Amino acid sequence: MSVQLKPTEDHIIVKADVSETQTKSGIYIPSTASKERPQMGEVVAVGPGKMTDEGKRLTMEVKVGDKVLFSKYGPSEVKIDGEELLILNQGDVLAILA
């Protein structure tokens, strides 16, 4: 990605995991078969954290490289240099995969 995106506040940028899925019978279903938004991805950029009313910066729980599960309808989709990315609030992250 040649354009650098720097998220603000408690926003994070995620590269969605659009891998193919396999049914129990062994049939592969490509990601293009479903118009549903992905719900898993890898964090590629993290904002500095939200500022409180007292002027303190809250620390972010996620970091670059984390694999996360997120709310289906939370992210905003952007396309930068042909690469599809998602911008979401840290609050939209449901879990960090260990």
N, C-alpha and C. Protein backbone atom coordinates (compact mmCIF):
# COMPACT_ATOMS: atom_id res chain seq x y z
N MET A 1 0.85 -1.17 0.00
CA MET A 1 0.00 0.00 0.00
C MET A 1 0.90 1.23 0.00
N SER A 2 0.85 2.01 -1.07
CA SER A 2 1.73 3.18 -1.17
C SER A 2 1.16 4.38 -0.41
N VAL A 3 -0.16 4.50 -0.33
CA VAL A 3 -0.77 5.58 0.43
C VAL A 3 -0.83 5.14 1.88
N GLN A 4 -0.27 5.95 2.76
CA GLN A 4 -0.28 5.62 4.18
C GLN A 4 -1.54 6.21 4.82
N LEU A 5 -2.29 5.38 5.48
CA LEU A 5 -3.46 5.84 6.21
C LEU A 5 -3.12 5.89 7.68
N LYS A 6 -3.40 7.00 8.31
CA LYS A 6 -3.14 7.15 9.74
C LYS A 6 -4.49 7.37 10.42
N PRO A 7 -5.00 6.34 11.10
CA PRO A 7 -6.31 6.50 11.75
C PRO A 7 -6.25 7.49 12.90
N THR A 8 -7.38 8.13 13.16
CA THR A 8 -7.48 9.09 14.24
C THR A 8 -8.20 8.46 15.44
N GLU A 9 -8.02 9.09 16.61
CA GLU A 9 -8.71 8.69 17.83
C GLU A 9 -8.66 7.18 18.05
N ASP A 10 -9.83 6.54 18.21
CA ASP A 10 -9.88 5.11 18.48
C ASP A 10 -10.26 4.29 17.25
N HIS A 11 -9.92 4.81 16.07
CA HIS A 11 -10.19 4.09 14.83
C HIS A 11 -9.05 3.12 14.53
N ILE A 12 -9.40 2.04 13.86
CA ILE A 12 -8.41 1.08 13.38
C ILE A 12 -8.69 0.76 11.93
N ILE A 13 -7.66 0.37 11.20
CA ILE A 13 -7.80 -0.03 9.80
C ILE A 13 -7.50 -1.52 9.73
N VAL A 14 -8.42 -2.24 9.08
CA VAL A 14 -8.34 -3.70 9.03
C VAL A 14 -8.36 -4.14 7.57
N LYS A 15 -7.48 -5.09 7.25
CA LYS A 15 -7.53 -5.76 5.95
C LYS A 15 -8.39 -7.00 6.16
N ALA A 16 -9.53 -7.03 5.49
CA ALA A 16 -10.49 -8.11 5.68
C ALA A 16 -9.95 -9.45 5.20
N ASP A 17 -10.30 -10.48 5.93
CA ASP A 17 -9.96 -11.85 5.56
C ASP A 17 -11.06 -12.34 4.63
N VAL A 18 -10.73 -12.48 3.35
CA VAL A 18 -11.72 -12.91 2.36
C VAL A 18 -11.36 -14.28 1.80
N SER A 19 -10.89 -15.14 2.67
CA SER A 19 -10.49 -16.47 2.23
C SER A 19 -11.70 -17.32 1.87
N GLU A 20 -11.46 -18.33 1.08
CA GLU A 20 -12.53 -19.24 0.71
C GLU A 20 -12.89 -20.11 1.90
N THR A 21 -14.16 -20.49 1.95
CA THR A 21 -14.60 -21.39 3.02
C THR A 21 -14.95 -22.74 2.41
N GLN A 22 -14.87 -23.76 3.24
CA GLN A 22 -15.15 -25.11 2.79
C GLN A 22 -16.33 -25.66 3.58
N THR A 23 -17.30 -26.25 2.87
CA THR A 23 -18.44 -26.85 3.53
C THR A 23 -18.04 -28.18 4.14
N LYS A 24 -18.92 -28.77 4.96
CA LYS A 24 -18.64 -30.07 5.58
C LYS A 24 -18.43 -31.16 4.54
N SER A 25 -19.08 -31.03 3.40
CA SER A 25 -18.95 -32.05 2.35
C SER A 25 -17.71 -31.85 1.48
N GLY A 26 -16.94 -30.77 1.75
CA GLY A 26 -15.68 -30.56 1.03
C GLY A 26 -15.76 -29.58 -0.12
N ILE A 27 -16.91 -28.97 -0.34
CA ILE A 27 -17.06 -28.01 -1.44
C ILE A 27 -16.53 -26.65 -0.99
N TYR A 28 -15.67 -26.04 -1.82
CA TYR A 28 -15.13 -24.71 -1.53
C TYR A 28 -16.08 -23.65 -2.06
N ILE A 29 -16.35 -22.67 -1.22
CA ILE A 29 -17.21 -21.55 -1.61
C ILE A 29 -16.33 -20.31 -1.65
N PRO A 30 -16.14 -19.72 -2.85
CA PRO A 30 -15.28 -18.54 -2.93
C PRO A 30 -15.93 -17.34 -2.24
N SER A 31 -15.08 -16.41 -1.82
CA SER A 31 -15.57 -15.23 -1.10
C SER A 31 -16.50 -14.39 -1.97
N THR A 32 -16.38 -14.49 -3.28
CA THR A 32 -17.23 -13.71 -4.18
C THR A 32 -18.65 -14.25 -4.24
N ALA A 33 -18.90 -15.44 -3.71
CA ALA A 33 -20.23 -16.02 -3.75
C ALA A 33 -21.18 -15.37 -2.76
N SER A 34 -20.66 -14.71 -1.77
CA SER A 34 -21.49 -14.08 -0.75
C SER A 34 -21.27 -12.58 -0.77
N LYS A 35 -22.33 -11.85 -0.68
CA LYS A 35 -22.24 -10.39 -0.64
C LYS A 35 -22.16 -9.88 0.80
N GLU A 36 -22.12 -10.80 1.76
CA GLU A 36 -22.01 -10.41 3.16
C GLU A 36 -20.65 -9.78 3.41
N ARG A 37 -20.60 -8.85 4.31
CA ARG A 37 -19.33 -8.24 4.69
C ARG A 37 -18.52 -9.22 5.52
N PRO A 38 -17.22 -9.20 5.36
CA PRO A 38 -16.39 -10.08 6.20
C PRO A 38 -16.46 -9.65 7.66
N GLN A 39 -16.21 -10.59 8.55
CA GLN A 39 -16.26 -10.29 9.97
C GLN A 39 -14.95 -10.60 10.66
N MET A 40 -13.91 -10.88 9.88
CA MET A 40 -12.60 -11.18 10.45
C MET A 40 -11.56 -10.50 9.59
N GLY A 41 -10.46 -10.09 10.22
CA GLY A 41 -9.40 -9.47 9.46
C GLY A 41 -8.19 -9.20 10.32
N GLU A 42 -7.17 -8.63 9.66
CA GLU A 42 -5.91 -8.30 10.34
C GLU A 42 -5.77 -6.79 10.45
N VAL A 43 -5.41 -6.32 11.63
CA VAL A 43 -5.24 -4.89 11.88
C VAL A 43 -3.96 -4.43 11.19
N VAL A 44 -4.07 -3.38 10.35
CA VAL A 44 -2.91 -2.86 9.64
C VAL A 44 -2.49 -1.48 10.14
N ALA A 45 -3.39 -0.79 10.87
CA ALA A 45 -3.04 0.51 11.45
C ALA A 45 -3.97 0.79 12.63
N VAL A 46 -3.44 1.50 13.62
CA VAL A 46 -4.18 1.79 14.85
C VAL A 46 -4.02 3.26 15.18
N GLY A 47 -5.12 3.90 15.56
CA GLY A 47 -5.07 5.29 16.00
C GLY A 47 -4.44 5.42 17.37
N PRO A 48 -4.21 6.65 17.83
CA PRO A 48 -3.54 6.87 19.11
C PRO A 48 -4.41 6.59 20.33
N GLY A 49 -5.72 6.49 20.15
CA GLY A 49 -6.64 6.27 21.27
C GLY A 49 -7.53 7.48 21.47
N LYS A 50 -8.67 7.24 22.06
CA LYS A 50 -9.64 8.30 22.28
C LYS A 50 -9.21 9.20 23.43
N MET A 51 -9.53 10.48 23.31
CA MET A 51 -9.20 11.46 24.33
C MET A 51 -10.40 11.61 25.27
N THR A 52 -10.15 11.55 26.57
CA THR A 52 -11.23 11.72 27.54
C THR A 52 -11.52 13.20 27.75
N ASP A 53 -12.60 13.49 28.46
CA ASP A 53 -12.96 14.88 28.76
C ASP A 53 -11.91 15.55 29.63
N GLU A 54 -11.16 14.75 30.39
CA GLU A 54 -10.11 15.27 31.26
C GLU A 54 -8.80 15.49 30.52
N GLY A 55 -8.75 15.18 29.24
CA GLY A 55 -7.54 15.37 28.45
C GLY A 55 -6.57 14.21 28.48
N LYS A 56 -6.98 13.06 28.99
CA LYS A 56 -6.13 11.87 29.01
C LYS A 56 -6.42 11.01 27.79
N ARG A 57 -5.37 10.43 27.24
CA ARG A 57 -5.52 9.56 26.08
C ARG A 57 -5.69 8.13 26.57
N LEU A 58 -6.78 7.46 26.13
CA LEU A 58 -7.02 6.07 26.49
C LEU A 58 -6.16 5.16 25.60
N THR A 59 -5.60 4.13 26.17
CA THR A 59 -4.75 3.22 25.39
C THR A 59 -5.62 2.29 24.55
N MET A 60 -5.10 1.91 23.42
CA MET A 60 -5.80 1.00 22.52
C MET A 60 -5.54 -0.44 22.95
N GLU A 61 -6.57 -1.28 22.86
CA GLU A 61 -6.43 -2.69 23.20
C GLU A 61 -5.89 -3.51 22.04
N VAL A 62 -6.12 -3.06 20.82
CA VAL A 62 -5.64 -3.79 19.65
C VAL A 62 -4.34 -3.17 19.16
N LYS A 63 -3.55 -3.97 18.45
CA LYS A 63 -2.30 -3.47 17.88
C LYS A 63 -2.15 -4.01 16.46
N VAL A 64 -1.26 -3.42 15.71
CA VAL A 64 -1.01 -3.84 14.34
C VAL A 64 -0.59 -5.31 14.35
N GLY A 65 -1.19 -6.07 13.45
CA GLY A 65 -0.89 -7.50 13.34
C GLY A 65 -1.90 -8.39 14.03
N ASP A 66 -2.74 -7.82 14.91
CA ASP A 66 -3.76 -8.62 15.58
C ASP A 66 -4.80 -9.11 14.57
N LYS A 67 -5.26 -10.35 14.76
CA LYS A 67 -6.40 -10.88 14.00
C LYS A 67 -7.62 -10.62 14.86
N VAL A 68 -8.63 -9.98 14.28
CA VAL A 68 -9.80 -9.58 15.06
C VAL A 68 -11.10 -10.03 14.42
N LEU A 69 -12.10 -10.24 15.26
CA LEU A 69 -13.48 -10.43 14.84
C LEU A 69 -14.19 -9.13 15.11
N PHE A 70 -15.03 -8.68 14.18
CA PHE A 70 -15.68 -7.39 14.36
C PHE A 70 -17.12 -7.43 13.92
N SER A 71 -17.87 -6.45 14.36
CA SER A 71 -19.28 -6.32 14.05
C SER A 71 -19.47 -6.21 12.54
N LYS A 72 -20.42 -6.96 12.02
CA LYS A 72 -20.65 -7.05 10.57
C LYS A 72 -20.95 -5.70 9.93
N TYR A 73 -21.74 -4.87 10.57
CA TYR A 73 -22.16 -3.62 9.94
C TYR A 73 -21.48 -2.39 10.54
N GLY A 74 -20.44 -2.57 11.34
CA GLY A 74 -19.73 -1.47 11.95
C GLY A 74 -18.76 -0.74 11.03
N PRO A 75 -17.98 -1.46 10.19
CA PRO A 75 -16.93 -0.80 9.43
C PRO A 75 -17.40 0.01 8.23
N SER A 76 -16.55 0.97 7.87
CA SER A 76 -16.70 1.70 6.62
C SER A 76 -15.70 1.11 5.64
N GLU A 77 -16.14 0.84 4.42
CA GLU A 77 -15.26 0.26 3.41
C GLU A 77 -14.59 1.36 2.61
N VAL A 78 -13.28 1.21 2.38
CA VAL A 78 -12.53 2.13 1.52
C VAL A 78 -11.65 1.31 0.59
N LYS A 79 -11.36 1.88 -0.57
CA LYS A 79 -10.48 1.21 -1.52
C LYS A 79 -9.31 2.15 -1.79
N ILE A 80 -8.10 1.73 -1.41
CA ILE A 80 -6.90 2.53 -1.59
C ILE A 80 -5.93 1.74 -2.46
N ASP A 81 -5.54 2.32 -3.58
CA ASP A 81 -4.62 1.66 -4.52
C ASP A 81 -5.08 0.25 -4.87
N GLY A 82 -6.39 0.07 -5.07
CA GLY A 82 -6.93 -1.22 -5.45
C GLY A 82 -7.09 -2.21 -4.31
N GLU A 83 -6.70 -1.83 -3.10
CA GLU A 83 -6.81 -2.72 -1.96
C GLU A 83 -8.00 -2.29 -1.10
N GLU A 84 -8.87 -3.26 -0.80
CA GLU A 84 -10.05 -2.97 0.01
C GLU A 84 -9.70 -3.06 1.49
N LEU A 85 -10.00 -1.98 2.21
CA LEU A 85 -9.72 -1.90 3.63
C LEU A 85 -10.98 -1.50 4.37
N LEU A 86 -11.01 -1.78 5.65
CA LEU A 86 -12.14 -1.42 6.49
C LEU A 86 -11.64 -0.49 7.60
N ILE A 87 -12.40 0.56 7.86
CA ILE A 87 -12.09 1.46 8.97
C ILE A 87 -13.21 1.29 9.99
N LEU A 88 -12.82 1.00 11.23
CA LEU A 88 -13.81 0.81 12.27
C LEU A 88 -13.33 1.37 13.59
N ASN A 89 -14.25 1.57 14.48
CA ASN A 89 -13.92 2.00 15.84
C ASN A 89 -13.47 0.78 16.63
N GLN A 90 -12.61 1.01 17.60
CA GLN A 90 -12.18 -0.10 18.45
C GLN A 90 -13.38 -0.77 19.12
N GLY A 91 -14.44 -0.03 19.39
CA GLY A 91 -15.65 -0.59 20.00
C GLY A 91 -16.36 -1.59 19.12
N ASP A 92 -16.10 -1.58 17.80
CA ASP A 92 -16.70 -2.54 16.89
C ASP A 92 -15.99 -3.89 16.92
N VAL A 93 -14.79 -3.94 17.55
CA VAL A 93 -14.05 -5.20 17.65
C VAL A 93 -14.70 -6.04 18.74
N LEU A 94 -15.09 -7.25 18.36
CA LEU A 94 -15.75 -8.15 19.30
C LEU A 94 -14.76 -9.02 20.05
N ALA A 95 -13.66 -9.39 19.37
CA ALA A 95 -12.65 -10.25 20.00
C ALA A 95 -11.35 -10.16 19.23
N ILE A 96 -10.25 -10.42 19.96
CA ILE A 96 -8.92 -10.55 19.36
C ILE A 96 -8.60 -12.03 19.38
N LEU A 97 -8.25 -12.59 18.21
CA LEU A 97 -7.95 -14.01 18.13
C LEU A 97 -6.58 -14.28 18.69
N ALA A 98 -6.48 -15.28 19.54
CA ALA A 98 -5.20 -15.62 20.18
C ALA A 98 -4.38 -16.54 19.30
